[in-house]
């Protein structure tokens, strides 16, 4: 199972993201809007923290990492937007 990670800017103290695991299972939801509501994760993180952990409403762990930009993917993922 892959890590459910969100990257935040070096100076960020709050975040809002969607749980990828919940979205992967969205076929079970009545609609995409319902899936997004379930997958929504919001929180705050101390400015000094390099990593924090949160849980979505379904209980999946979300890892919050601080950095100027996320590292390159080990393998290409067709679902990821590529900007050149």
Protein backbone atom coordinates (compact mmCIF):
# COMPACT_ATOMS: atom_id res chain seq x y z
CA UNK A 1 0.00 0.00 0.00
CA UNK A 2 1.48 3.36 -1.02
CA UNK A 3 1.99 6.22 1.40
CA UNK A 4 -0.78 8.84 1.40
CA UNK A 5 1.37 12.01 1.43
CA UNK A 6 0.66 15.72 1.06
CA UNK A 7 3.48 18.26 0.70
CA UNK A 8 3.18 21.72 2.23
CA UNK A 9 5.26 24.87 1.75
CA UNK A 10 8.07 25.68 4.20
CA UNK A 11 6.06 28.49 5.83
CA UNK A 12 2.62 26.82 5.86
CA UNK A 13 0.84 26.26 9.16
CA UNK A 14 -2.39 24.78 7.75
CA UNK A 15 -3.33 22.42 4.95
CA UNK A 16 -6.33 21.10 3.07
CA UNK A 17 -6.11 18.02 0.87
CA UNK A 18 -7.95 14.93 -0.30
CA UNK A 19 -7.19 11.42 0.90
CA UNK A 20 -5.96 9.48 -2.14
CA UNK A 21 -7.07 6.15 -0.71
CA UNK A 22 -10.63 7.42 -0.30
CA UNK A 23 -10.65 8.73 -3.87
CA UNK A 24 -9.27 5.42 -5.16
CA UNK A 25 -12.34 3.75 -3.64
CA UNK A 26 -14.83 6.34 -4.86
CA UNK A 27 -16.76 3.77 -6.91
CA UNK A 28 -18.45 2.86 -3.63
CA UNK A 29 -19.69 6.45 -3.14
CA UNK A 30 -23.04 7.60 -4.48
CA UNK A 31 -21.38 10.48 -6.36
CA UNK A 32 -17.99 12.13 -6.85
CA UNK A 33 -19.13 15.00 -4.60
CA UNK A 34 -19.87 12.50 -1.81
CA UNK A 35 -16.43 10.94 -2.32
CA UNK A 36 -14.74 14.36 -2.04
CA UNK A 37 -16.65 15.14 1.15
CA UNK A 38 -15.45 11.89 2.72
CA UNK A 39 -11.88 12.33 1.43
CA UNK A 40 -11.42 15.94 2.67
CA UNK A 41 -8.64 16.34 5.24
CA UNK A 42 -7.85 19.68 6.90
CA UNK A 43 -5.58 20.60 9.74
CA UNK A 44 -2.79 22.66 11.17
CA UNK A 45 0.86 21.89 11.66
CA UNK A 46 3.49 23.60 13.82
CA UNK A 47 5.88 25.75 11.83
CA UNK A 48 8.83 23.81 13.31
CA UNK A 49 7.45 20.39 12.32
CA UNK A 50 8.98 18.74 9.25
CA UNK A 51 6.42 15.92 9.26
CA UNK A 52 2.97 15.48 10.81
CA UNK A 53 0.27 12.82 10.65
CA UNK A 54 -3.49 13.12 10.19
CA UNK A 55 -6.39 10.77 9.51
CA UNK A 56 -9.27 11.18 7.11
CA UNK A 57 -12.83 10.46 8.23
CA UNK A 58 -12.41 6.86 7.00
CA UNK A 59 -9.33 6.39 9.17
CA UNK A 60 -6.63 6.38 6.48
CA UNK A 61 -3.34 7.91 7.58
CA UNK A 62 -2.22 11.05 5.73
CA UNK A 63 1.44 12.05 6.06
CA UNK A 64 2.01 15.81 5.92
CA UNK A 65 5.57 16.69 4.88
CA UNK A 66 7.17 20.10 4.67
CA UNK A 67 9.43 20.96 1.74
CA UNK A 68 10.07 23.43 -1.03
CA UNK A 69 8.87 20.81 -3.53
CA UNK A 70 8.10 17.07 -3.42
CA UNK A 71 10.78 14.67 -4.62
CA UNK A 72 10.49 13.15 -8.08
CA UNK A 73 8.34 10.06 -8.33
CA UNK A 74 10.27 6.79 -8.36
CA UNK A 75 8.01 5.67 -11.18
CA UNK A 76 5.73 7.66 -13.46
CA UNK A 77 2.08 7.82 -12.48
CA UNK A 78 -0.22 8.65 -15.39
CA UNK A 79 -2.71 10.24 -12.96
CA UNK A 80 -0.19 12.92 -11.94
CA UNK A 81 -0.17 16.21 -13.79
CA UNK A 82 3.24 16.80 -15.35
CA UNK A 83 4.38 20.41 -15.84
CA UNK A 84 7.50 21.00 -17.93
